[in-house]
C-alpha atoms as a PDB file:
ATOM      1  CA  MET A   1      17.923  -3.889  11.803  1.00  0.00           C
ATOM      2  CA  SER A   2      16.214  -3.373   8.318  1.00  0.00           C
ATOM      3  CA  THR A   3      14.796   0.054   6.885  1.00  0.00           C
ATOM      4  CA  LEU A   4      11.381  -0.937   7.026  1.00  0.00           C
ATOM      5  CA  GLN A   5      11.515  -1.542  11.033  1.00  0.00           C
ATOM      6  CA  SER A   6      13.747   1.562  11.463  1.00  0.00           C
ATOM      7  CA  TRP A   7      11.204   3.545   9.923  1.00  0.00           C
ATOM      8  CA  THR A   8       8.353   1.867  11.893  1.00  0.00           C
ATOM      9  CA  GLU A   9      10.251   2.618  15.196  1.00  0.00           C
ATOM     10  CA  ALA A  10      10.942   6.522  14.263  1.00  0.00           C
ATOM     11  CA  ALA A  11       6.875   6.991  12.814  1.00  0.00           C
ATOM     12  CA  CYS A  12       5.759   5.259  15.978  1.00  0.00           C
ATOM     13  CA  ALA A  13       8.166   7.410  18.290  1.00  0.00           C
ATOM     14  CA  GLU A  14       6.852  10.646  16.020  1.00  0.00           C
ATOM     15  CA  LEU A  15       3.346   9.588  16.948  1.00  0.00           C
ATOM     16  CA  GLY A  16       3.750   8.410  20.295  1.00  0.00           C
ATOM     17  CA  LEU A  17       2.728   4.685  19.494  1.00  0.00           C
ATOM     18  CA  ASP A  18       4.164   1.745  20.862  1.00  0.00           C
ATOM     19  CA  PRO A  19       6.201  -0.149  17.720  1.00  0.00           C
ATOM     20  CA  ALA A  20       5.278  -3.509  19.368  1.00  0.00           C
ATOM     21  CA  THR A  21       1.729  -3.100  18.267  1.00  0.00           C
ATOM     22  CA  VAL A  22       2.117  -2.827  14.844  1.00  0.00           C
ATOM     23  CA  ASP A  23       2.013  -5.743  12.587  1.00  0.00           C
ATOM     24  CA  GLU A  24       4.074  -4.683   9.552  1.00  0.00           C
ATOM     25  CA  ARG A  25       3.372  -8.255   7.916  1.00  0.00           C
ATOM     26  CA  LEU A  26      -0.532  -7.931   8.256  1.00  0.00           C
ATOM     27  CA  ILE A  27      -0.765  -4.289   6.736  1.00  0.00           C
ATOM     28  CA  LEU A  28       2.065  -5.119   3.907  1.00  0.00           C
ATOM     29  CA  ASP A  29      -0.086  -8.556   2.993  1.00  0.00           C
ATOM     30  CA  LEU A  30      -3.146  -6.212   2.951  1.00  0.00           C
ATOM     31  CA  THR A  31      -1.477  -3.618   0.848  1.00  0.00           C
ATOM     32  CA  ARG A  32       0.077  -6.082  -1.592  1.00  0.00           C
ATOM     33  CA  VAL A  33      -3.437  -7.853  -2.324  1.00  0.00           C
ATOM     34  CA  VAL A  34      -5.005  -4.256  -2.614  1.00  0.00           C
ATOM     35  CA  ALA A  35      -2.579  -3.356  -5.133  1.00  0.00           C
ATOM     36  CA  HIS A  36      -2.671  -6.440  -7.266  1.00  0.00           C
ATOM     37  CA  ARG A  37      -6.199  -6.820  -7.140  1.00  0.00           C
ATOM     38  CA  VAL A  38      -7.736  -3.247  -7.286  1.00  0.00           C
ATOM     39  CA  ASP A  39      -5.267  -0.408  -8.019  1.00  0.00           C
ATOM     40  CA  ARG A  40      -1.647   0.409  -6.842  1.00  0.00           C
ATOM     41  CA  PRO A  41      -2.917   3.994  -5.311  1.00  0.00           C
ATOM     42  CA  ALA A  42      -5.686   2.006  -3.418  1.00  0.00           C
ATOM     43  CA  ALA A  43      -3.080   0.318  -1.427  1.00  0.00           C
ATOM     44  CA  PRO A  44      -1.941   3.410   0.814  1.00  0.00           C
ATOM     45  CA  LEU A  45      -5.241   4.762   0.957  1.00  0.00           C
ATOM     46  CA  THR A  46      -6.831   1.414   2.379  1.00  0.00           C
ATOM     47  CA  ALA A  47      -3.752   1.093   4.895  1.00  0.00           C
ATOM     48  CA  PHE A  48      -4.859   4.549   6.174  1.00  0.00           C
ATOM     49  CA  LEU A  49      -8.750   3.448   6.181  1.00  0.00           C
ATOM     50  CA  ALA A  50      -7.549   0.200   8.203  1.00  0.00           C
ATOM     51  CA  GLY A  51      -5.795   2.741  10.590  1.00  0.00           C
ATOM     52  CA  LEU A  52      -8.887   4.990  11.064  1.00  0.00           C
ATOM     53  CA  ALA A  53     -11.032   1.635  11.414  1.00  0.00           C
ATOM     54  CA  ALA A  54      -8.249   0.515  14.155  1.00  0.00           C
ATOM     55  CA  GLY A  55      -8.014   3.901  15.931  1.00  0.00           C
ATOM     56  CA  ARG A  56     -11.830   4.072  16.423  1.00  0.00           C
ATOM     57  CA  GLY A  57     -11.409   0.432  18.230  1.00  0.00           C
ATOM     58  CA  GLU A  58     -12.100  -2.067  15.606  1.00  0.00           C
ATOM     59  CA  PRO A  59      -9.914  -5.406  15.982  1.00  0.00           C
ATOM     60  CA  LEU A  60      -7.188  -4.714  13.008  1.00  0.00           C
ATOM     61  CA  ALA A  61      -6.986  -8.410  12.139  1.00  0.00           C
ATOM     62  CA  GLU A  62     -10.760  -8.291  11.603  1.00  0.00           C
ATOM     63  CA  VAL A  63     -10.565  -4.769   9.840  1.00  0.00           C
ATOM     64  CA  VAL A  64      -7.892  -6.566   7.472  1.00  0.00           C
ATOM     65  CA  ALA A  65      -9.592  -9.692   6.895  1.00  0.00           C
ATOM     66  CA  SER A  66     -12.573  -7.631   5.526  1.00  0.00           C
ATOM     67  CA  LEU A  67     -10.828  -5.346   3.339  1.00  0.00           C
ATOM     68  CA  THR A  68      -8.653  -8.403   2.091  1.00  0.00           C
ATOM     69  CA  ALA A  69     -11.640 -10.215   1.050  1.00  0.00           C
ATOM     70  CA  LEU A  70     -13.006  -7.204  -0.613  1.00  0.00           C
ATOM     71  CA  ALA A  71      -9.880  -6.631  -2.551  1.00  0.00           C
ATOM     72  CA  SER A  72      -9.780 -10.146  -3.287  1.00  0.00           C
ATOM     73  CA  ALA A  73     -13.604 -10.386  -4.974  1.00  0.00           C
ATOM     74  CA  TRP A  74     -12.901  -7.037  -6.564  1.00  0.00           C
ATOM     75  CA  PRO A  75     -13.916  -7.295 -10.299  1.00  0.00           C
ATOM     76  CA  GLU A  76     -11.012  -7.339 -12.584  1.00  0.00           C
ATOM     77  CA  PRO A  77     -11.708  -5.072 -15.578  1.00  0.00           C
ATOM     78  CA  PRO A  78     -13.114  -5.943 -18.959  1.00  0.00           C
ATOM     79  CA  GLY A  79     -10.157  -7.747 -20.960  1.00  0.00           C
ATOM     80  CA  GLY A  80      -8.203  -8.796 -17.434  1.00  0.00           C
ATOM     81  CA  SER A  81      -5.732  -7.251 -15.629  1.00  0.00           C
ATOM     82  CA  PRO A  82      -5.636  -3.579 -15.037  1.00  0.00           C
ATOM     83  CA  ALA A  83      -3.757  -1.372 -17.793  1.00  0.00           C
ATOM     84  CA  PRO A  84      -0.775   0.070 -16.529  1.00  0.00           C
ATOM     85  CA  ARG A  85      -1.343   3.548 -15.153  1.00  0.00           C
ATOM     86  CA  LYS A  86       0.063   6.625 -16.565  1.00  0.00           C
ATOM     87  CA  ASP A  87       2.069   7.562 -13.430  1.00  0.00           C
ATOM     88  CA  SER A  88       3.224   4.102 -13.241  1.00  0.00           C
ATOM     89  CA  GLY A  89       7.025   3.287 -12.755  1.00  0.00           C
ATOM     90  CA  GLN A  90       7.372   2.382 -16.156  1.00  0.00           C
ATOM     91  CA  ARG A  91       6.514   5.622 -17.219  1.00  0.00           C
ATOM     92  CA  LEU A  92       8.269   7.475 -14.948  1.00  0.00           C
ATOM     93  CA  ALA A  93      11.291   5.512 -16.086  1.00  0.00           C
ATOM     94  CA  ALA A  94      10.541   6.163 -19.676  1.00  0.00           C
ATOM     95  CA  ALA A  95      10.550  10.181 -18.596  1.00  0.00           C
ATOM     96  CA  GLY A  96      13.882   9.689 -17.155  1.00  0.00           C
ATOM     97  CA  GLU A  97      15.384   8.399 -20.418  1.00  0.00           C
ATOM     98  CA  ASP A  98      13.569  11.017 -22.424  1.00  0.00           C
ATOM     99  CA  GLU A  99      15.671  13.779 -20.103  1.00  0.00           C
ATOM    100  CA  GLN A 100      18.939  11.443 -20.400  1.00  0.00           C
ATOM    101  CA  VAL A 101      18.409  11.786 -24.206  1.00  0.00           C
ATOM    102  CA  ARG A 102      17.793  15.634 -24.095  1.00  0.00           C
ATOM    103  CA  GLN A 103      21.016  15.990 -22.018  1.00  0.00           C
ATOM    104  CA  GLN A 104      23.111  14.443 -24.604  1.00  0.00           C
END
């Protein structure tokens, strides 16, 4: 069993949900498109919004299809792909390197 499967089962148990109702691939594909086409922080927010819509009775597959289409059509910023965010992993790695230099 993968870490993702273990986490999904534990989170479902915590929330009283049936893990069989979770379509991991559907949500992961949605968040991948959003992260790459819109902005990384938009991915978990979009997954949350999809969950809210599903919770009010919207079919999850339709919600995900709609949000994926929205993200796919999202305009790129002028000059091409989005610039790295200040809070990106690259910046965090650089901060960690700075800390290592100070400790030496």
